[in-house]
């Protein structure tokens, strides 16, 4: 396992924390959006059965 040799020091941990934190603009946009269970469900698009030509006699 290559991950066993991975060492995380304080600097790496601080960088990861800063990168994962949303910006103020992203946070405000997320606050304005409805939560997933509060949003109305979208109707799935209705698909018509495939059109098939009648076999030709001839």
Protein backbone atom coordinates (compact mmCIF):
# COMPACT_ATOMS: atom_id res chain seq x y z
CA UNK A 1 0.00 0.00 0.00
CA UNK A 2 1.43 3.30 -1.10
CA UNK A 3 -0.81 5.30 1.24
CA UNK A 4 0.80 3.84 4.34
CA UNK A 5 3.90 5.87 3.66
CA UNK A 6 1.92 9.10 3.26
CA UNK A 7 2.70 11.51 6.06
CA UNK A 8 0.54 14.54 6.71
CA UNK A 9 2.24 17.36 8.54
CA UNK A 10 0.69 20.52 9.97
CA UNK A 11 1.28 22.58 6.82
CA UNK A 12 -0.41 19.99 4.60
CA UNK A 13 -3.36 19.79 6.98
CA UNK A 14 -3.77 23.58 7.04
CA UNK A 15 -3.67 23.77 3.23
CA UNK A 16 -6.29 21.02 2.92
CA UNK A 17 -8.53 22.83 5.38
CA UNK A 18 -8.24 26.14 3.53
CA UNK A 19 -8.93 24.56 0.14
CA UNK A 20 -12.00 22.72 1.36
CA UNK A 21 -13.57 25.84 2.89
CA UNK A 22 -16.03 27.59 0.53
CA UNK A 23 -15.54 31.26 -0.26
CA UNK A 24 -17.99 33.79 1.16
CA UNK A 25 -19.60 34.14 -2.28
CA UNK A 26 -20.06 30.35 -2.61
CA UNK A 27 -21.51 30.14 0.90
CA UNK A 28 -24.04 32.91 0.22
CA UNK A 29 -25.09 31.28 -3.05
CA UNK A 30 -25.60 27.96 -1.27
CA UNK A 31 -27.66 29.65 1.43
CA UNK A 32 -30.01 31.09 -1.22
CA UNK A 33 -30.63 27.71 -2.90
CA UNK A 34 -33.35 25.45 -1.49
CA UNK A 35 -32.23 22.25 0.15
CA UNK A 36 -32.58 19.07 -1.89
CA UNK A 37 -35.66 17.88 0.00
CA UNK A 38 -37.26 21.34 -0.15
CA UNK A 39 -37.01 21.66 -3.93
CA UNK A 40 -39.94 20.47 -6.05
CA UNK A 41 -39.38 17.17 -7.82
CA UNK A 42 -38.77 17.35 -11.52
CA UNK A 43 -41.00 15.23 -13.71
CA UNK A 44 -38.97 12.77 -15.74
CA UNK A 45 -39.23 13.49 -19.47
CA UNK A 46 -41.92 11.38 -21.07
CA UNK A 47 -40.60 9.20 -23.81
CA UNK A 48 -42.84 8.07 -26.59
CA UNK A 49 -42.50 4.45 -27.69
CA UNK A 50 -40.27 4.12 -30.73
CA UNK A 51 -42.09 4.52 -34.02
CA UNK A 52 -42.04 1.41 -36.13
CA UNK A 53 -43.15 1.28 -39.73
CA UNK A 54 -45.64 -1.38 -40.67
CA UNK A 55 -44.05 -4.13 -42.73
CA UNK A 56 -44.57 -3.55 -46.43
CA UNK A 57 -46.23 -6.16 -48.51
CA UNK A 58 -45.35 -6.31 -52.03
